[in-house]
Protein backbone atom coordinates (compact mmCIF):
# COMPACT_ATOMS: atom_id res chain seq x y z
CA MET A 1 0.00 0.00 0.00
CA MET A 2 1.35 3.41 -0.92
CA LEU A 3 1.04 6.31 1.53
CA LYS A 4 0.95 9.87 0.28
CA TYR A 5 2.17 12.80 2.32
CA ASN A 6 -0.08 15.76 1.55
CA SER A 7 -0.33 17.97 4.63
CA ASP A 8 0.61 18.67 8.22
CA LYS A 9 -2.44 16.71 9.40
CA CYS A 10 -1.19 13.62 7.61
CA SER A 11 2.19 13.85 9.35
CA ILE A 12 0.67 14.24 12.80
CA SER A 13 -1.88 11.45 12.30
CA ILE A 14 0.79 9.01 11.09
CA PHE A 15 2.86 9.87 14.16
CA ILE A 16 0.00 9.26 16.56
CA LYS A 17 -1.19 6.03 14.92
CA ASN A 18 2.23 4.43 14.55
CA ILE A 19 4.45 5.74 17.33
CA PHE A 20 2.16 6.17 20.35
CA PRO A 21 1.04 2.50 20.62
CA CYS A 22 4.69 1.38 20.47
CA PHE A 23 5.60 4.12 22.95
CA TRP A 24 3.20 2.93 25.65
CA PHE A 25 4.18 -0.69 25.03
CA LEU A 26 7.81 0.22 25.65
CA ILE A 27 6.91 2.04 28.86
CA ILE A 28 5.28 -1.13 30.20
CA ILE A 29 8.24 -3.29 29.16
CA ASN A 30 10.66 -0.79 30.72
CA THR A 31 8.76 -0.71 34.02
CA PHE A 32 8.62 -4.46 34.55
CA ALA A 33 11.73 -5.72 32.81
CA PHE A 34 14.27 -3.12 33.88
CA PRO A 35 13.62 -2.14 37.48
CA GLN A 36 15.67 0.56 38.85
CA THR A 37 20.95 3.56 39.17
CA SER A 38 24.43 3.42 38.41
CA HIS A 39 25.89 4.40 35.03
CA SER A 40 24.33 7.82 35.60
CA THR A 41 26.75 9.28 33.05
CA LEU A 42 24.28 8.04 30.42
CA GLU A 43 22.30 11.12 31.46
CA TYR A 44 25.26 13.51 31.12
CA SER A 45 25.73 16.06 28.36
CA PHE A 46 28.67 15.24 26.11
CA THR A 47 28.36 18.15 23.66
CA SER A 48 28.29 21.87 24.34
CA ARG A 49 24.91 22.29 22.65
CA SER A 50 23.41 19.62 24.89
CA LEU A 51 25.04 21.27 27.90
CA SER A 52 23.59 24.68 27.04
CA ILE A 53 20.01 23.36 26.79
CA TYR A 54 20.06 20.93 29.73
CA ARG A 55 19.77 17.94 27.35
CA GLY A 56 16.38 19.21 26.25
CA ALA A 57 14.81 19.92 22.83
CA CYS A 58 14.26 16.25 21.98
CA ALA A 59 11.98 17.30 19.08
CA VAL A 60 14.40 19.81 17.51
CA SER A 61 16.74 18.64 14.76
CA SER A 62 20.49 19.02 15.29
CA GLY A 63 23.82 17.79 13.96
CA TYR A 64 24.63 15.78 17.09
CA LEU A 65 23.71 12.28 18.25
CA ASP A 66 21.98 13.05 21.52
CA VAL A 67 18.91 11.98 23.52
CA ASN A 68 16.71 11.40 20.47
CA PRO A 69 18.53 9.78 17.52
CA ALA A 70 15.59 10.75 15.28
CA THR A 71 16.65 14.43 15.47
CA LEU A 72 19.95 13.88 13.62
CA GLU A 73 20.00 16.24 10.64
CA ILE A 74 23.09 16.67 8.44
CA SER A 75 23.79 16.89 4.72
CA SER A 76 27.55 16.19 4.78
CA PRO A 77 29.91 14.10 6.95
CA ILE A 78 30.69 15.93 10.20
CA GLY A 79 33.26 15.35 12.95
CA ASN A 80 33.20 16.98 16.39
CA PHE A 81 35.41 17.12 19.47
CA THR A 82 34.10 18.28 22.86
CA PHE A 83 35.89 19.14 26.09
CA ILE A 84 33.80 19.60 29.26
CA ARG A 85 34.93 20.65 32.72
CA TYR A 86 32.80 19.72 35.74
CA PRO A 87 33.23 21.02 39.30
CA ALA A 88 35.92 19.39 41.48
CA ASP A 89 38.29 19.05 38.50
CA ILE A 90 36.27 16.38 36.70
CA TYR A 91 36.86 16.30 32.94
CA ALA A 92 34.96 14.77 30.03
CA HIS A 93 35.89 14.34 26.37
CA ASN A 94 33.74 13.36 23.41
CA LEU A 95 34.61 12.48 19.83
CA SER A 96 31.80 12.02 17.30
CA PHE A 97 31.33 11.37 13.58
CA SER A 98 28.12 11.47 11.54
CA PHE A 99 27.61 10.29 7.95
CA PRO A 100 24.53 10.93 5.75
CA MET A 101 23.35 8.27 3.28
CA LYS A 102 20.35 9.45 1.26
CA SER A 103 17.41 9.33 3.70
CA LYS A 104 19.52 7.74 6.46
CA ILE A 105 22.23 8.93 8.86
CA ILE A 106 24.73 6.87 10.86
CA ALA A 107 26.60 8.38 13.81
CA PHE A 108 29.32 7.21 16.20
CA THR A 109 30.37 8.78 19.49
CA LEU A 110 33.07 7.93 22.00
CA SER A 111 32.95 9.67 25.39
CA THR A 112 35.15 9.46 28.47
CA ILE A 113 34.87 11.10 31.87
CA ASP A 114 37.71 11.18 34.39
CA PHE A 115 36.67 11.74 38.01
CA GLY A 116 40.30 12.06 39.04
CA GLN A 117 41.77 10.97 42.35
CA ILE A 118 39.25 10.37 45.15
CA LEU A 119 40.26 10.38 48.81
CA ASP A 120 38.48 8.26 51.41
CA GLY A 121 38.22 10.68 54.35
CA GLU A 122 38.05 7.91 56.96
CA THR A 123 40.84 5.62 55.83
CA GLY A 124 42.97 8.05 53.81
CA TYR A 125 42.92 5.62 50.89
CA THR A 126 43.19 7.24 47.44
CA PHE A 127 41.70 5.72 44.32
CA SER A 128 40.60 6.76 40.82
CA ALA A 129 37.32 6.55 38.90
CA ARG A 130 36.67 6.70 35.16
CA GLU A 131 33.83 5.98 32.77
CA PHE A 132 33.60 5.25 29.06
CA VAL A 133 30.47 5.53 26.91
CA GLY A 134 30.34 4.42 23.26
CA ARG A 135 27.30 4.93 21.04
CA ILE A 136 26.22 3.93 17.55
CA GLY A 137 23.15 5.76 16.23
CA TYR A 138 20.92 5.37 13.20
CA LYS A 139 18.27 7.74 11.86
CA MET A 140 15.84 7.17 8.98
CA THR A 141 13.46 9.67 7.40
CA VAL A 142 10.04 8.44 6.28
CA LEU A 143 7.38 10.49 4.44
CA ASN A 144 9.42 13.72 4.46
CA SER A 145 8.49 15.09 7.90
CA PHE A 146 8.50 11.87 9.88
CA SER A 147 11.68 10.21 11.19
CA VAL A 148 12.67 7.40 13.53
CA GLY A 149 15.99 6.60 15.13
CA GLY A 150 17.79 4.34 17.54
CA ALA A 151 21.12 4.15 19.32
CA ILE A 152 23.04 1.39 21.09
CA ASN A 153 24.94 2.55 24.17
CA LEU A 154 27.84 0.70 25.78
CA SER A 155 28.80 2.06 29.18
CA HIS A 156 31.77 0.90 31.23
CA ASN A 157 32.95 2.44 34.49
CA ARG A 158 35.82 1.60 36.78
CA ILE A 159 36.13 2.59 40.44
CA ASP A 160 39.45 1.54 41.95
CA HIS A 161 39.69 -2.21 41.18
CA TYR A 162 35.96 -2.65 40.57
CA SER A 163 34.24 -2.27 37.21
CA SER A 164 30.74 -2.35 35.78
CA THR A 165 29.45 -2.67 32.21
CA ALA A 166 26.00 -1.92 30.84
CA VAL A 167 24.32 -2.11 27.44
CA SER A 168 21.26 -0.02 26.63
CA ILE A 169 19.35 1.50 23.74
CA ASN A 170 17.61 4.78 22.97
CA MET A 171 14.65 4.81 20.58
CA GLY A 172 12.75 7.84 19.35
CA GLY A 173 10.33 9.17 16.77
CA ARG A 174 9.92 12.72 15.52
CA THR A 175 7.52 14.54 13.24
CA GLN A 176 7.05 18.14 12.19
CA LEU A 177 4.62 20.23 10.21
CA SER A 178 5.45 20.65 6.53
CA SER A 179 6.01 24.35 7.23
CA GLY A 180 8.66 23.39 9.80
CA ARG A 181 7.06 25.65 12.43
CA GLY A 182 6.11 22.96 14.89
CA GLY A 183 6.64 19.34 15.78
CA MET A 184 6.73 16.70 18.47
CA ALA A 185 8.73 13.67 19.57
CA VAL A 186 8.73 10.72 21.95
CA VAL A 187 11.84 8.97 23.24
CA MET A 188 12.64 5.90 25.30
CA GLU A 189 16.01 6.29 27.06
CA ASN A 190 18.51 3.77 28.34
CA ILE A 191 16.46 0.59 28.03
CA GLY A 192 18.91 -2.16 28.93
CA LYS A 193 20.69 -4.05 31.65
CA ILE A 194 23.88 -4.34 33.66
CA ILE A 195 26.12 -7.03 32.16
CA GLN A 196 28.72 -6.88 34.91
CA GLY A 197 28.21 -5.08 38.22
CA HIS A 198 30.56 -3.71 40.86
CA ASN A 199 31.25 -6.75 43.02
CA LYS A 200 27.81 -7.99 44.23
CA THR A 201 26.22 -4.56 44.50
CA LYS A 202 22.72 -4.34 43.03
CA GLU A 203 22.72 -1.77 40.23
CA SER A 204 20.39 -0.39 37.61
CA ILE A 205 20.38 1.97 34.61
CA PRO A 206 18.70 5.42 34.59
CA ALA A 207 15.95 4.34 32.20
CA GLY A 208 12.95 6.51 31.36
CA TYR A 209 10.97 8.25 28.67
CA ARG A 210 10.36 11.79 27.48
CA VAL A 211 7.80 13.64 25.37
CA GLY A 212 8.70 16.91 23.70
CA GLY A 213 7.50 19.52 21.26
CA PHE A 214 8.76 22.68 19.59
CA TYR A 215 7.35 25.81 17.99
CA HIS A 216 9.01 28.21 15.54
CA PRO A 217 7.14 31.56 15.34
CA LYS A 218 6.62 32.80 11.82
CA HIS A 219 8.17 36.25 12.25
CA LEU A 220 10.78 35.55 14.93
CA PRO A 221 14.16 33.77 14.44
CA VAL A 222 13.67 31.59 17.53
CA VAL A 223 12.73 28.00 18.30
CA LEU A 224 10.90 27.32 21.56
CA SER A 225 10.74 23.78 22.92
CA VAL A 226 9.72 21.90 26.03
CA ASP A 227 10.41 18.34 27.24
CA TYR A 228 8.65 16.34 29.92
CA ILE A 229 10.93 13.63 31.34
CA CYS A 230 10.08 10.73 33.62
CA ARG A 231 12.68 8.31 35.00
CA SER A 232 12.08 4.74 36.09
CA ASN A 233 12.53 5.80 39.73
CA ASN A 234 9.57 8.19 39.22
CA ASP A 235 11.90 11.21 39.09
CA GLN A 236 10.12 13.78 36.89
CA MET A 237 11.35 17.02 35.37
CA VAL A 238 10.54 19.60 32.72
CA VAL A 239 13.11 21.31 30.48
CA GLY A 240 12.34 24.49 28.55
CA VAL A 241 14.64 25.70 25.77
CA LEU A 242 14.98 28.84 23.65
CA GLU A 243 17.28 28.92 20.63
CA PHE A 244 17.76 32.32 18.96
CA TYR A 245 19.13 32.61 15.41
CA PRO A 246 19.83 36.31 14.63
CA THR A 247 21.94 35.24 11.60
CA GLN A 248 22.83 31.98 9.88
CA TYR A 249 26.27 32.19 11.48
CA PHE A 250 25.33 32.61 15.15
CA THR A 251 22.99 30.85 17.59
CA PHE A 252 22.23 31.76 21.19
CA ARG A 253 20.77 29.09 23.49
CA LEU A 254 19.05 29.26 26.84
CA GLY A 255 17.64 26.39 28.90
CA SER A 256 15.86 25.97 32.22
CA THR A 257 14.74 23.01 34.30
CA ASN A 258 12.85 22.42 37.52
CA ARG A 259 15.29 19.69 38.50
CA GLU A 260 17.00 21.99 41.01
CA ASP A 261 13.75 23.29 42.55
CA ASN A 262 14.14 21.08 45.59
CA ARG A 263 17.45 22.74 46.43
CA ILE A 264 16.73 26.02 48.21
CA TYR A 265 19.58 28.31 49.18
CA ASN A 266 19.86 31.24 51.54
CA ASP A 267 21.37 33.27 48.72
CA TYR A 268 18.63 34.81 46.53
CA LYS A 269 20.92 35.00 43.50
CA LYS A 270 21.71 31.28 43.71
CA ASN A 271 18.00 30.50 43.79
CA MET A 272 17.49 32.56 40.62
CA ILE A 273 20.16 30.83 38.51
CA SER A 274 19.82 27.28 39.86
CA GLY A 275 18.69 25.04 37.02
CA LEU A 276 19.70 27.45 34.24
CA SER A 277 21.88 26.70 31.23
CA LEU A 278 23.13 28.85 28.36
CA GLY A 279 25.50 28.89 25.43
CA PHE A 280 26.09 29.89 21.84
CA GLY A 281 27.23 28.49 18.52
CA VAL A 282 29.25 30.06 15.71
CA HIS A 283 29.14 28.62 12.18
CA PHE A 284 31.66 29.77 9.56
CA LEU A 285 32.50 28.01 6.30
CA LYS A 286 33.14 24.36 7.22
CA TYR A 287 33.77 25.01 10.91
CA THR A 288 31.53 25.24 13.95
CA PHE A 289 32.30 26.34 17.49
CA ASP A 290 29.90 25.79 20.38
CA PHE A 291 30.12 26.91 23.98
CA GLY A 292 27.81 25.68 26.73
CA SER A 293 27.44 26.20 30.46
CA GLN A 294 25.06 24.60 32.93
CA ASN A 295 24.28 25.37 36.57
CA LEU A 296 24.18 22.41 38.95
CA GLY A 297 22.95 24.31 41.98
CA SER A 298 25.25 24.02 44.99
CA ALA A 299 27.71 21.90 42.97
CA GLY A 300 28.58 24.84 40.70
CA TRP A 301 28.83 25.31 36.94
CA VAL A 302 29.73 22.92 34.14
CA THR A 303 31.34 24.43 31.03
CA GLY A 304 32.22 22.93 27.67
CA ILE A 305 33.44 23.74 24.17
CA THR A 306 32.84 21.82 20.95
CA ILE A 307 34.76 22.21 17.70
CA GLY A 308 33.30 20.71 14.53
CA TYR A 309 34.34 20.29 10.93
CA THR A 310 32.16 19.49 7.90
CA ALA A 311 34.00 17.34 5.35
CA PHE A 312 32.31 18.56 2.15
């Protein structure tokens, strides 16, 4: 049977009929089959864009493999390198490559995070902790404005002489109006299991789901988006994002989340900025430069830079 894409209504109806039943089925499977977390770095931002929008905007297309693989959007091979500094001298690095193939895109990322030397205050024992995350993503476009994607995540962390390995997948769907001024997405995150745990400690993966949408006003160079996120431990949060495009060469980003609302400080200024993120991107010729910063409440700020190169 041949389907014809004629209007925005067709795109939305296809999305609802085909993705939502699978979405709720996956929620049920996730709840019963993968009870709850270690490997929390699966929730970390490993690009500056993701950092500047609090890992939100799951319905907005981008050139990075992130929460929703269905949002990958590139026309030429792209390579990126990211350096991120966390509080307490914790450092993360990410290397990624994306390749377009007609209506499909394949992406690879390799991320590491070094927690440095950790001192046991009681015994005086010093040890190190590191984590590695590798991802392979795939995105396919169907009927112009409808896309689906998936990613396989391999996470391995090592604390002193103990190690743990987990395998998980992300699956998402995305659709947008033919005008490009609005769209929505659903994502299942980190569905998987621990292959090898730390000693005999019971562990789990930060699995969950999110629903998101975006809106692009007709006469304003901005994209507004919002994500609702629910983790398997019933942790819920909302992320709002604004991306401002004054020119084709520059992008300003601003994000906000209620995740830090339960942390109240005596300092009024800290209360105001807790849960905020911001950043910008510069695009010139074949090069891109992104900067992102994210507030972690009492823990401080995370900052990162990403440098990208488009092959053709």
